[in-house]
Amino acid sequence: MTTLLFWMQILGGLFYLLNKIFFCAKERSPNDEQARLWSIRAWMVYIAGLIPWLIILGHKDDWMIVFVEAGGLPSMLLGLILALKHDKMEKRTEVALDWFARICAVLGIGYSVYHFGLMTNLTQWYELGGVIGFLVGTYRLAKNHLDGYVWFALMNASVGLLMYTQGYVVLGVQQLLSLIFVIDAYMVKARKEQKTE
């Protein structure tokens, strides 16, 4: 199991880091078509990194994040579909994906409280920060809103602390590197939005 967890750290960390790098490239793109292509790549590697992360988080009983990460798949798919279809999607599909993500979040938080008690463990607080940042950030970025990066920063900081305290140093470092790209993407997008006002 140790070898598997090592490779899951490498794959999960690499794909999630690439996601942040690609979002950063999207914001720095000179035109809409290049930005759309970087957005597609960002969502694809995010989805590819999901399984390794679920294995790692489940191994450490981080159930709140496990369920939320799994429940975040609809938001990831929403972002990918919107990027592929130039921000056009049936409202019914969007609502269904939205509700699925919310139900998984409630299940994850509920199971964590059942498993550990009501926020009795420091790691649960890190998980909660990761959960909130992930859910809100993924959804807001899928809709191309600037504040999605702020929520991603909360997620990266919280999950970085969680991974470091649980002995996953590679993933702790990956979260720190991701945070740098998230901050850069935020600053670039904020400057662009100021110019268009």
N, C-alpha and C. Protein backbone atom coordinates (compact mmCIF):
# COMPACT_ATOMS: atom_id res chain seq x y z
N MET A 1 0.82 -1.21 0.00
CA MET A 1 0.00 0.00 0.00
C MET A 1 0.86 1.27 0.00
N THR A 2 2.03 1.20 0.63
CA THR A 2 2.90 2.38 0.70
C THR A 2 3.35 2.81 -0.69
N THR A 3 3.71 1.86 -1.56
CA THR A 3 4.12 2.20 -2.92
C THR A 3 2.96 2.82 -3.69
N LEU A 4 1.77 2.25 -3.52
CA LEU A 4 0.59 2.81 -4.18
C LEU A 4 0.34 4.24 -3.72
N LEU A 5 0.42 4.48 -2.41
CA LEU A 5 0.18 5.82 -1.89
C LEU A 5 1.23 6.81 -2.38
N PHE A 6 2.47 6.33 -2.51
CA PHE A 6 3.53 7.20 -3.04
C PHE A 6 3.18 7.65 -4.46
N TRP A 7 2.78 6.70 -5.31
CA TRP A 7 2.45 7.03 -6.69
C TRP A 7 1.17 7.85 -6.79
N MET A 8 0.25 7.63 -5.87
CA MET A 8 -0.96 8.45 -5.85
C MET A 8 -0.62 9.89 -5.49
N GLN A 9 0.34 10.07 -4.56
CA GLN A 9 0.81 11.42 -4.22
C GLN A 9 1.39 12.11 -5.45
N ILE A 10 2.24 11.38 -6.16
CA ILE A 10 2.89 11.95 -7.34
C ILE A 10 1.85 12.33 -8.40
N LEU A 11 0.97 11.37 -8.73
CA LEU A 11 -0.03 11.62 -9.78
C LEU A 11 -1.05 12.68 -9.36
N GLY A 12 -1.62 12.52 -8.16
CA GLY A 12 -2.61 13.49 -7.70
C GLY A 12 -2.01 14.88 -7.59
N GLY A 13 -0.82 14.96 -7.01
CA GLY A 13 -0.15 16.25 -6.86
C GLY A 13 0.17 16.88 -8.20
N LEU A 14 0.68 16.07 -9.14
CA LEU A 14 1.04 16.58 -10.47
C LEU A 14 -0.19 17.10 -11.21
N PHE A 15 -1.25 16.30 -11.26
CA PHE A 15 -2.45 16.72 -11.99
C PHE A 15 -3.09 17.96 -11.37
N TYR A 16 -3.16 18.02 -10.05
CA TYR A 16 -3.78 19.18 -9.41
C TYR A 16 -2.89 20.43 -9.56
N LEU A 17 -1.58 20.25 -9.55
CA LEU A 17 -0.68 21.38 -9.79
C LEU A 17 -0.82 21.86 -11.23
N LEU A 18 -0.87 20.92 -12.18
CA LEU A 18 -1.06 21.31 -13.58
C LEU A 18 -2.37 22.08 -13.76
N ASN A 19 -3.40 21.68 -13.02
CA ASN A 19 -4.67 22.39 -13.08
C ASN A 19 -4.47 23.87 -12.77
N LYS A 20 -3.73 24.16 -11.70
CA LYS A 20 -3.51 25.55 -11.31
C LYS A 20 -2.61 26.27 -12.32
N ILE A 21 -1.60 25.57 -12.85
CA ILE A 21 -0.72 26.16 -13.86
C ILE A 21 -1.53 26.50 -15.12
N PHE A 22 -2.41 25.58 -15.52
CA PHE A 22 -3.22 25.80 -16.72
C PHE A 22 -4.24 26.93 -16.52
N PHE A 23 -4.80 27.05 -15.31
CA PHE A 23 -5.70 28.18 -15.04
C PHE A 23 -4.91 29.49 -15.12
N CYS A 24 -3.70 29.47 -14.62
CA CYS A 24 -2.85 30.65 -14.68
C CYS A 24 -2.56 31.01 -16.15
N ALA A 25 -2.25 29.98 -16.97
CA ALA A 25 -2.01 30.20 -18.40
C ALA A 25 -3.27 30.74 -19.09
N LYS A 26 -4.42 30.26 -18.66
CA LYS A 26 -5.70 30.74 -19.21
C LYS A 26 -5.84 32.24 -18.99
N GLU A 27 -5.56 32.67 -17.76
CA GLU A 27 -5.70 34.10 -17.45
C GLU A 27 -4.68 34.94 -18.18
N ARG A 28 -3.54 34.37 -18.52
CA ARG A 28 -2.49 35.11 -19.21
C ARG A 28 -2.60 35.01 -20.74
N SER A 29 -3.59 34.29 -21.23
CA SER A 29 -3.75 34.10 -22.68
C SER A 29 -4.08 35.41 -23.38
N PRO A 30 -3.50 35.61 -24.59
CA PRO A 30 -3.73 36.86 -25.31
C PRO A 30 -5.10 36.97 -25.99
N ASN A 31 -5.80 35.82 -26.15
CA ASN A 31 -7.11 35.90 -26.80
C ASN A 31 -8.05 34.85 -26.21
N ASP A 32 -9.32 34.98 -26.53
CA ASP A 32 -10.36 34.12 -25.95
C ASP A 32 -10.21 32.65 -26.34
N GLU A 33 -9.81 32.39 -27.58
CA GLU A 33 -9.69 30.99 -28.02
C GLU A 33 -8.57 30.27 -27.27
N GLN A 34 -7.43 30.92 -27.10
CA GLN A 34 -6.35 30.30 -26.32
C GLN A 34 -6.76 30.13 -24.86
N ALA A 35 -7.47 31.09 -24.33
CA ALA A 35 -7.95 30.99 -22.95
C ALA A 35 -8.89 29.81 -22.82
N ARG A 36 -9.76 29.60 -23.79
CA ARG A 36 -10.69 28.48 -23.77
C ARG A 36 -9.95 27.14 -23.80
N LEU A 37 -8.90 27.05 -24.64
CA LEU A 37 -8.12 25.81 -24.72
C LEU A 37 -7.39 25.52 -23.41
N TRP A 38 -6.84 26.56 -22.76
CA TRP A 38 -6.20 26.35 -21.47
C TRP A 38 -7.22 25.95 -20.41
N SER A 39 -8.42 26.51 -20.51
CA SER A 39 -9.48 26.16 -19.57
C SER A 39 -9.87 24.69 -19.72
N ILE A 40 -9.99 24.22 -20.96
CA ILE A 40 -10.31 22.81 -21.22
C ILE A 40 -9.23 21.92 -20.62
N ARG A 41 -7.97 22.25 -20.87
CA ARG A 41 -6.85 21.46 -20.31
C ARG A 41 -6.90 21.46 -18.79
N ALA A 42 -7.18 22.64 -18.20
CA ALA A 42 -7.21 22.75 -16.73
C ALA A 42 -8.27 21.83 -16.14
N TRP A 43 -9.46 21.83 -16.73
CA TRP A 43 -10.53 20.98 -16.20
C TRP A 43 -10.22 19.50 -16.43
N MET A 44 -9.60 19.17 -17.55
CA MET A 44 -9.29 17.76 -17.84
C MET A 44 -8.28 17.18 -16.84
N VAL A 45 -7.21 17.93 -16.55
CA VAL A 45 -6.21 17.39 -15.60
C VAL A 45 -6.77 17.38 -14.18
N TYR A 46 -7.67 18.30 -13.90
CA TYR A 46 -8.32 18.32 -12.58
C TYR A 46 -9.11 17.02 -12.38
N ILE A 47 -9.87 16.65 -13.40
CA ILE A 47 -10.66 15.42 -13.34
C ILE A 47 -9.74 14.21 -13.26
N ALA A 48 -8.64 14.21 -14.02
CA ALA A 48 -7.69 13.09 -14.00
C ALA A 48 -7.04 12.92 -12.63
N GLY A 49 -6.85 14.00 -11.90
CA GLY A 49 -6.21 13.93 -10.59
C GLY A 49 -7.14 13.53 -9.46
N LEU A 50 -8.43 13.45 -9.76
CA LEU A 50 -9.41 13.19 -8.71
C LEU A 50 -9.24 11.82 -8.07
N ILE A 51 -9.09 10.76 -8.84
CA ILE A 51 -8.99 9.40 -8.29
C ILE A 51 -7.80 9.25 -7.34
N PRO A 52 -6.58 9.68 -7.74
CA PRO A 52 -5.47 9.58 -6.79
C PRO A 52 -5.73 10.31 -5.48
N TRP A 53 -6.35 11.50 -5.56
CA TRP A 53 -6.65 12.25 -4.33
C TRP A 53 -7.65 11.51 -3.46
N LEU A 54 -8.66 10.91 -4.08
CA LEU A 54 -9.66 10.18 -3.30
C LEU A 54 -9.03 8.99 -2.57
N ILE A 55 -8.09 8.32 -3.21
CA ILE A 55 -7.41 7.18 -2.58
C ILE A 55 -6.60 7.65 -1.37
N ILE A 56 -5.85 8.73 -1.54
CA ILE A 56 -5.02 9.26 -0.44
C ILE A 56 -5.88 9.74 0.72
N LEU A 57 -6.90 10.52 0.42
CA LEU A 57 -7.75 11.07 1.47
C LEU A 57 -8.53 9.98 2.20
N GLY A 58 -9.01 9.00 1.47
CA GLY A 58 -9.72 7.88 2.08
C GLY A 58 -8.82 7.06 2.98
N HIS A 59 -7.56 6.92 2.61
CA HIS A 59 -6.61 6.16 3.42
C HIS A 59 -6.40 6.78 4.79
N LYS A 60 -6.52 8.11 4.88
CA LYS A 60 -6.33 8.82 6.15
C LYS A 60 -7.66 9.16 6.83
N ASP A 61 -8.75 8.59 6.36
CA ASP A 61 -10.08 8.84 6.93
C ASP A 61 -10.49 10.30 6.89
N ASP A 62 -10.08 11.00 5.84
CA ASP A 62 -10.49 12.40 5.65
C ASP A 62 -11.80 12.42 4.88
N TRP A 63 -12.85 11.89 5.52
CA TRP A 63 -14.11 11.63 4.82
C TRP A 63 -14.83 12.88 4.36
N MET A 64 -14.68 13.96 5.10
CA MET A 64 -15.32 15.19 4.69
C MET A 64 -14.83 15.58 3.30
N ILE A 65 -13.52 15.56 3.12
CA ILE A 65 -12.96 15.95 1.82
C ILE A 65 -13.20 14.87 0.78
N VAL A 66 -13.18 13.60 1.17
CA VAL A 66 -13.42 12.52 0.20
C VAL A 66 -14.77 12.72 -0.48
N PHE A 67 -15.81 12.89 0.33
CA PHE A 67 -17.14 13.06 -0.25
C PHE A 67 -17.24 14.35 -1.04
N VAL A 68 -16.62 15.41 -0.55
CA VAL A 68 -16.72 16.69 -1.24
C VAL A 68 -15.93 16.64 -2.55
N GLU A 69 -14.73 16.05 -2.53
CA GLU A 69 -13.97 15.90 -3.77
C GLU A 69 -14.78 15.11 -4.79
N ALA A 70 -15.35 13.98 -4.34
CA ALA A 70 -16.18 13.18 -5.24
C ALA A 70 -17.38 13.99 -5.71
N GLY A 71 -17.97 14.74 -4.79
CA GLY A 71 -19.10 15.58 -5.14
C GLY A 71 -18.71 16.77 -5.99
N GLY A 72 -17.41 17.10 -6.01
CA GLY A 72 -16.93 18.19 -6.85
C GLY A 72 -16.82 17.81 -8.31
N LEU A 73 -16.89 16.51 -8.60
CA LEU A 73 -16.82 16.07 -9.99
C LEU A 73 -17.88 16.75 -10.85
N PRO A 74 -19.12 16.90 -10.38
CA PRO A 74 -20.08 17.62 -11.23
C PRO A 74 -19.65 19.06 -11.54
N SER A 75 -19.05 19.75 -10.57
CA SER A 75 -18.57 21.11 -10.83
C SER A 75 -17.41 21.09 -11.83
N MET A 76 -16.54 20.08 -11.69
CA MET A 76 -15.44 19.95 -12.65
C MET A 76 -16.00 19.70 -14.06
N LEU A 77 -16.97 18.80 -14.13
CA LEU A 77 -17.60 18.52 -15.43
C LEU A 77 -18.31 19.75 -15.97
N LEU A 78 -18.94 20.50 -15.07
CA LEU A 78 -19.60 21.74 -15.46
C LEU A 78 -18.58 22.69 -16.09
N GLY A 79 -17.43 22.86 -15.44
CA GLY A 79 -16.38 23.73 -15.99
C GLY A 79 -15.89 23.25 -17.34
N LEU A 80 -15.68 21.94 -17.48
CA LEU A 80 -15.20 21.37 -18.74
C LEU A 80 -16.25 21.54 -19.84
N ILE A 81 -17.49 21.22 -19.53
CA ILE A 81 -18.56 21.34 -20.53
C ILE A 81 -18.75 22.79 -20.96
N LEU A 82 -18.72 23.71 -20.00
CA LEU A 82 -18.86 25.12 -20.35
C LEU A 82 -17.70 25.60 -21.22
N ALA A 83 -16.49 25.12 -20.92
CA ALA A 83 -15.33 25.49 -21.74
C ALA A 83 -15.45 24.91 -23.16
N LEU A 84 -15.90 23.67 -23.24
CA LEU A 84 -16.06 23.02 -24.55
C LEU A 84 -17.17 23.65 -25.38
N LYS A 85 -18.24 24.07 -24.70
CA LYS A 85 -19.41 24.60 -25.41
C LYS A 85 -19.46 26.12 -25.40
N HIS A 86 -18.36 26.76 -25.09
CA HIS A 86 -18.32 28.23 -25.06
C HIS A 86 -19.35 28.80 -24.10
N ASP A 87 -19.39 28.26 -22.89
CA ASP A 87 -20.26 28.75 -21.81
C ASP A 87 -21.76 28.56 -22.07
N LYS A 88 -22.12 27.58 -22.91
CA LYS A 88 -23.55 27.31 -23.15
C LYS A 88 -23.89 25.92 -22.65
N MET A 89 -24.87 25.82 -21.79
CA MET A 89 -25.29 24.52 -21.25
C MET A 89 -26.77 24.57 -20.92
N GLU A 90 -27.41 23.42 -21.03
CA GLU A 90 -28.81 23.36 -20.66
C GLU A 90 -28.94 23.64 -19.17
N LYS A 91 -29.90 24.46 -18.82
CA LYS A 91 -30.11 24.83 -17.41
C LYS A 91 -30.40 23.60 -16.56
N ARG A 92 -31.15 22.64 -17.09
CA ARG A 92 -31.51 21.43 -16.36
C ARG A 92 -30.26 20.63 -15.97
N THR A 93 -29.31 20.50 -16.89
CA THR A 93 -28.06 19.78 -16.62
C THR A 93 -27.25 20.49 -15.55
N GLU A 94 -27.18 21.80 -15.67
CA GLU A 94 -26.43 22.60 -14.70
C GLU A 94 -27.02 22.46 -13.29
N VAL A 95 -28.32 22.50 -13.18
CA VAL A 95 -28.99 22.37 -11.88
C VAL A 95 -28.76 20.98 -11.28
N ALA A 96 -28.84 19.93 -12.12
CA ALA A 96 -28.62 18.56 -11.64
C ALA A 96 -27.20 18.39 -11.10
N LEU A 97 -26.20 18.90 -11.83
CA LEU A 97 -24.80 18.82 -11.38
C LEU A 97 -24.62 19.59 -10.07
N ASP A 98 -25.27 20.73 -9.99
CA ASP A 98 -25.20 21.56 -8.79
C ASP A 98 -25.73 20.83 -7.56
N TRP A 99 -26.90 20.22 -7.69
CA TRP A 99 -27.50 19.51 -6.57
C TRP A 99 -26.70 18.30 -6.15
N PHE A 100 -26.14 17.57 -7.11
CA PHE A 100 -25.32 16.41 -6.78
C PHE A 100 -24.12 16.82 -5.93
N ALA A 101 -23.46 17.92 -6.30
CA ALA A 101 -22.31 18.41 -5.53
C ALA A 101 -22.72 18.79 -4.11
N ARG A 102 -23.86 19.43 -3.95
CA ARG A 102 -24.32 19.84 -2.62
C ARG A 102 -24.65 18.63 -1.74
N ILE A 103 -25.31 17.64 -2.31
CA ILE A 103 -25.66 16.43 -1.55
C ILE A 103 -24.40 15.72 -1.07
N CYS A 104 -23.40 15.60 -1.95
CA CYS A 104 -22.14 14.95 -1.55
C CYS A 104 -21.44 15.73 -0.45
N ALA A 105 -21.51 17.05 -0.50
CA ALA A 105 -20.89 17.86 0.55
C ALA A 105 -21.55 17.60 1.89
N VAL A 106 -22.86 17.57 1.92
CA VAL A 106 -23.58 17.32 3.17
C VAL A 106 -23.26 15.92 3.69
N LEU A 107 -23.22 14.93 2.80
CA LEU A 107 -22.88 13.56 3.21
C LEU A 107 -21.47 13.50 3.80
N GLY A 108 -20.52 14.17 3.16
CA GLY A 108 -19.14 14.15 3.63
C GLY A 108 -18.98 14.78 5.00
N ILE A 109 -19.59 15.92 5.19
CA ILE A 109 -19.50 16.59 6.48
C ILE A 109 -20.21 15.75 7.55
N GLY A 110 -21.37 15.21 7.20
CA GLY A 110 -22.12 14.36 8.14
C GLY A 110 -21.34 13.12 8.55
N TYR A 111 -20.72 12.45 7.59
CA TYR A 111 -19.97 11.24 7.92
C TYR A 111 -18.74 11.56 8.76
N SER A 112 -18.08 12.69 8.47
CA SER A 112 -16.91 13.10 9.25
C SER A 112 -17.30 13.36 10.70
N VAL A 113 -18.42 14.05 10.89
CA VAL A 113 -18.90 14.31 12.25
C VAL A 113 -19.26 13.00 12.95
N TYR A 114 -19.90 12.08 12.24
CA TYR A 114 -20.25 10.77 12.79
C TYR A 114 -18.98 9.98 13.15
N HIS A 115 -17.98 10.03 12.28
CA HIS A 115 -16.75 9.24 12.46
C HIS A 115 -15.86 9.81 13.57
N PHE A 116 -15.69 11.14 13.60
CA PHE A 116 -14.75 11.75 14.54
C PHE A 116 -15.42 12.52 15.68
N GLY A 117 -16.68 12.84 15.55
CA GLY A 117 -17.33 13.72 16.51
C GLY A 117 -17.40 15.12 15.94
N LEU A 118 -18.05 16.01 16.65
CA LEU A 118 -18.28 17.36 16.14
C LEU A 118 -17.03 18.22 16.26
N MET A 119 -16.25 18.26 15.21
CA MET A 119 -15.06 19.10 15.09
C MET A 119 -14.14 18.97 16.30
N THR A 120 -13.85 17.73 16.68
CA THR A 120 -12.99 17.47 17.83
C THR A 120 -11.53 17.29 17.42
N ASN A 121 -11.27 17.19 16.16
CA ASN A 121 -9.94 16.91 15.66
C ASN A 121 -9.47 18.10 14.82
N LEU A 122 -8.22 18.55 15.01
CA LEU A 122 -7.68 19.68 14.25
C LEU A 122 -7.77 19.44 12.75
N THR A 123 -7.55 18.18 12.33
CA THR A 123 -7.61 17.90 10.90
C THR A 123 -9.00 18.17 10.31
N GLN A 124 -10.04 18.06 11.14
CA GLN A 124 -11.39 18.37 10.65
C GLN A 124 -11.51 19.84 10.26
N TRP A 125 -10.84 20.71 10.99
CA TRP A 125 -10.87 22.14 10.65
C TRP A 125 -10.15 22.39 9.34
N TYR A 126 -9.01 21.71 9.14
CA TYR A 126 -8.32 21.81 7.85
C TYR A 126 -9.21 21.28 6.74
N GLU A 127 -9.88 20.15 7.02
CA GLU A 127 -10.79 19.59 6.03
C GLU A 127 -11.91 20.57 5.69
N LEU A 128 -12.47 21.21 6.72
CA LEU A 128 -13.57 22.14 6.50
C LEU A 128 -13.13 23.30 5.61
N GLY A 129 -11.94 23.84 5.87
CA GLY A 129 -11.40 24.90 5.00
C GLY A 129 -11.22 24.41 3.58
N GLY A 130 -10.71 23.18 3.44
CA GLY A 130 -10.55 22.59 2.11
C GLY A 130 -11.87 22.36 1.42
N VAL A 131 -12.85 21.91 2.19
CA VAL A 131 -14.19 21.63 1.66
C VAL A 131 -14.84 22.91 1.13
N ILE A 132 -14.85 23.93 1.96
CA ILE A 132 -15.49 25.18 1.57
C ILE A 132 -14.77 25.79 0.36
N GLY A 133 -13.44 25.83 0.43
CA GLY A 133 -12.66 26.39 -0.68
C GLY A 133 -12.86 25.63 -1.97
N PHE A 134 -12.88 24.30 -1.86
CA PHE A 134 -13.04 23.46 -3.05
C PHE A 134 -14.42 23.62 -3.68
N LEU A 135 -15.45 23.49 -2.86
CA LEU A 135 -16.81 23.55 -3.40
C LEU A 135 -17.12 24.91 -4.02
N VAL A 136 -16.89 25.96 -3.26
CA VAL A 136 -17.23 27.29 -3.75
C VAL A 136 -16.28 27.67 -4.89
N GLY A 137 -14.99 27.40 -4.72
CA GLY A 137 -14.01 27.78 -5.74
C GLY A 137 -14.23 27.08 -7.06
N THR A 138 -14.47 25.77 -7.01
CA THR A 138 -14.67 25.02 -8.25
C THR A 138 -15.91 25.52 -8.97
N TYR A 139 -16.98 25.73 -8.22
CA TYR A 139 -18.22 26.21 -8.84
C TYR A 139 -18.05 27.61 -9.41
N ARG A 140 -17.41 28.50 -8.65
CA ARG A 140 -17.24 29.89 -9.11
C ARG A 140 -16.30 29.96 -10.31
N LEU A 141 -15.26 29.12 -10.32
CA LEU A 141 -14.36 29.11 -11.48
C LEU A 141 -15.03 28.49 -12.70
N ALA A 142 -15.88 27.50 -12.48
CA ALA A 142 -16.63 26.93 -13.60
C ALA A 142 -17.47 28.02 -14.27
N LYS A 143 -17.92 28.98 -13.49
CA LYS A 143 -18.72 30.10 -14.01
C LYS A 143 -17.84 31.30 -14.37
N ASN A 144 -16.51 31.12 -14.28
CA ASN A 144 -15.52 32.14 -14.68
C ASN A 144 -15.56 33.40 -13.81
N HIS A 145 -15.79 33.24 -12.50
CA HIS A 145 -15.82 34.37 -11.57
C HIS A 145 -14.47 34.52 -10.87
N LEU A 146 -14.02 35.74 -10.72
CA LEU A 146 -12.73 36.06 -10.09
C LEU A 146 -12.61 35.48 -8.69
N ASP A 147 -13.66 35.59 -7.88
CA ASP A 147 -13.56 35.15 -6.50
C ASP A 147 -13.33 33.64 -6.36
N GLY A 148 -13.49 32.88 -7.44
CA GLY A 148 -13.18 31.45 -7.39
C GLY A 148 -11.73 31.21 -6.98
N TYR A 149 -10.84 32.10 -7.41
CA TYR A 149 -9.43 31.95 -7.04
C TYR A 149 -9.19 32.21 -5.55
N VAL A 150 -9.97 33.10 -4.96
CA VAL A 150 -9.85 33.35 -3.52
C VAL A 150 -10.22 32.08 -2.75
N TRP A 151 -11.31 31.44 -3.17
CA TRP A 151 -11.74 30.20 -2.53
C TRP A 151 -10.73 29.08 -2.76
N PHE A 152 -10.13 29.05 -3.94
CA PHE A 152 -9.08 28.06 -4.21
C PHE A 152 -7.87 28.29 -3.30
N ALA A 153 -7.56 29.55 -3.02
CA ALA A 153 -6.44 29.85 -2.11
C ALA A 153 -6.72 29.28 -0.72
N LEU A 154 -7.95 29.46 -0.24
CA LEU A 154 -8.34 28.87 1.05
C LEU A 154 -8.19 27.35 1.00
N MET A 155 -8.65 26.75 -0.09
CA MET A 155 -8.56 25.30 -0.24
C MET A 155 -7.09 24.84 -0.22
N ASN A 156 -6.25 25.49 -1.01
CA ASN A 156 -4.85 25.07 -1.08
C ASN A 156 -4.14 25.21 0.25
N ALA A 157 -4.39 26.30 0.96
CA ALA A 157 -3.76 26.50 2.28
C ALA A 157 -4.24 25.44 3.27
N SER A 158 -5.55 25.19 3.30
CA SER A 158 -6.11 24.22 4.26
C SER A 158 -5.66 22.80 3.96
N VAL A 159 -5.75 22.41 2.70
CA VAL A 159 -5.37 21.04 2.33
C VAL A 159 -3.86 20.86 2.45
N GLY A 160 -3.10 21.92 2.18
CA GLY A 160 -1.65 21.84 2.37
C GLY A 160 -1.30 21.54 3.82
N LEU A 161 -1.95 22.24 4.75
CA LEU A 161 -1.72 21.98 6.18
C LEU A 161 -2.16 20.56 6.55
N LEU A 162 -3.29 20.13 6.01
CA LEU A 162 -3.80 18.78 6.29
C LEU A 162 -2.80 17.72 5.80
N MET A 163 -2.33 17.87 4.58
CA MET A 163 -1.41 16.88 4.01
C MET A 163 -0.09 16.87 4.78
N TYR A 164 0.40 18.05 5.14
CA TYR A 164 1.67 18.13 5.86
C TYR A 164 1.56 17.46 7.24
N THR A 165 0.46 17.74 7.96
CA THR A 165 0.31 17.15 9.30
C THR A 165 0.10 15.65 9.24
N GLN A 166 -0.39 15.14 8.10
CA GLN A 166 -0.61 13.70 7.97
C GLN A 166 0.57 12.98 7.33
N GLY A 167 1.66 13.70 7.11
CA GLY A 167 2.88 13.07 6.62
C GLY A 167 3.01 12.99 5.11
N TYR A 168 2.11 13.61 4.38
CA TYR A 168 2.20 13.65 2.91
C TYR A 168 2.92 14.93 2.49
N VAL A 169 4.23 14.92 2.66
CA VAL A 169 5.03 16.12 2.41
C VAL A 169 4.96 16.54 0.94
N VAL A 170 4.99 15.57 0.03
CA VAL A 170 4.94 15.87 -1.40
C VAL A 170 3.66 16.66 -1.72
N LEU A 171 2.55 16.22 -1.16
CA LEU A 171 1.29 16.90 -1.42
C LEU A 171 1.21 18.24 -0.70
N GLY A 172 1.84 18.35 0.46
CA GLY A 172 1.90 19.64 1.15
C GLY A 172 2.64 20.66 0.30
N VAL A 173 3.78 20.25 -0.28
CA VAL A 173 4.55 21.14 -1.16
C VAL A 173 3.76 21.46 -2.42
N GLN A 174 3.09 20.47 -2.98
CA GLN A 174 2.28 20.68 -4.19
C GLN A 174 1.20 21.72 -3.93
N GLN A 175 0.58 21.67 -2.75
CA GLN A 175 -0.47 22.64 -2.41
C GLN A 175 0.12 24.05 -2.30
N LEU A 176 1.32 24.16 -1.75
CA LEU A 176 2.00 25.46 -1.65
C LEU A 176 2.29 26.01 -3.05
N LEU A 177 2.83 25.16 -3.93
CA LEU A 177 3.09 25.60 -5.31
C LEU A 177 1.80 25.99 -6.01
N SER A 178 0.74 25.20 -5.79
CA SER A 178 -0.55 25.53 -6.39
C SER A 178 -1.04 26.89 -5.92
N LEU A 179 -0.84 27.18 -4.64
CA LEU A 179 -1.25 28.46 -4.07
C LEU A 179 -0.58 29.63 -4.80
N ILE A 180 0.68 29.47 -5.15
CA ILE A 180 1.41 30.52 -5.87
C ILE A 180 0.74 30.79 -7.22
N PHE A 181 0.40 29.72 -7.95
CA PHE A 181 -0.25 29.89 -9.26
C PHE A 181 -1.66 30.44 -9.13
N VAL A 182 -2.36 30.06 -8.08
CA VAL A 182 -3.72 30.57 -7.85
C VAL A 182 -3.66 32.08 -7.59
N ILE A 183 -2.72 32.53 -6.78
CA ILE A 183 -2.57 33.95 -6.49
C ILE A 183 -2.22 34.73 -7.76
N ASP A 184 -1.32 34.14 -8.58
CA ASP A 184 -0.95 34.79 -9.83
C ASP A 184 -2.15 34.90 -10.77
N ALA A 185 -2.91 33.81 -10.91
CA ALA A 185 -4.09 33.83 -11.78
C ALA A 185 -5.09 34.87 -11.30
N TYR A 186 -5.27 34.96 -9.98
CA TYR A 186 -6.18 35.95 -9.41
C TYR A 186 -5.74 37.37 -9.79
N MET A 187 -4.45 37.67 -9.61
CA MET A 187 -3.96 39.02 -9.88
C MET A 187 -4.10 39.37 -11.36
N VAL A 188 -3.79 38.41 -12.24
CA VAL A 188 -3.90 38.67 -13.68
C VAL A 188 -5.36 38.93 -14.06
N LYS A 189 -6.26 38.07 -13.59
CA LYS A 189 -7.69 38.24 -13.91
C LYS A 189 -8.24 39.53 -13.33
N ALA A 190 -7.82 39.88 -12.11
CA ALA A 190 -8.29 41.12 -11.48
C ALA A 190 -7.86 42.33 -12.31
N ARG A 191 -6.61 42.33 -12.80
CA ARG A 191 -6.13 43.43 -13.63
C ARG A 191 -6.94 43.53 -14.93
N LYS A 192 -7.22 42.37 -15.54
CA LYS A 192 -8.02 42.37 -16.78
C LYS A 192 -9.41 42.94 -16.53
N GLU A 193 -10.01 42.54 -15.42
CA GLU A 193 -11.37 43.02 -15.12
C GLU A 193 -11.40 44.50 -14.83
N GLN A 194 -10.32 45.02 -14.20
CA GLN A 194 -10.25 46.45 -13.94
C GLN A 194 -10.16 47.25 -15.24
N LYS A 195 -9.42 46.70 -16.23
CA LYS A 195 -9.25 47.39 -17.51
C LYS A 195 -10.56 47.46 -18.29
N THR A 196 -11.41 46.45 -18.11
CA THR A 196 -12.67 46.42 -18.87
C THR A 196 -13.78 47.24 -18.22
N GLU A 197 -13.57 47.70 -17.00
CA GLU A 197 -14.61 48.47 -16.31
C GLU A 197 -14.66 49.90 -16.80
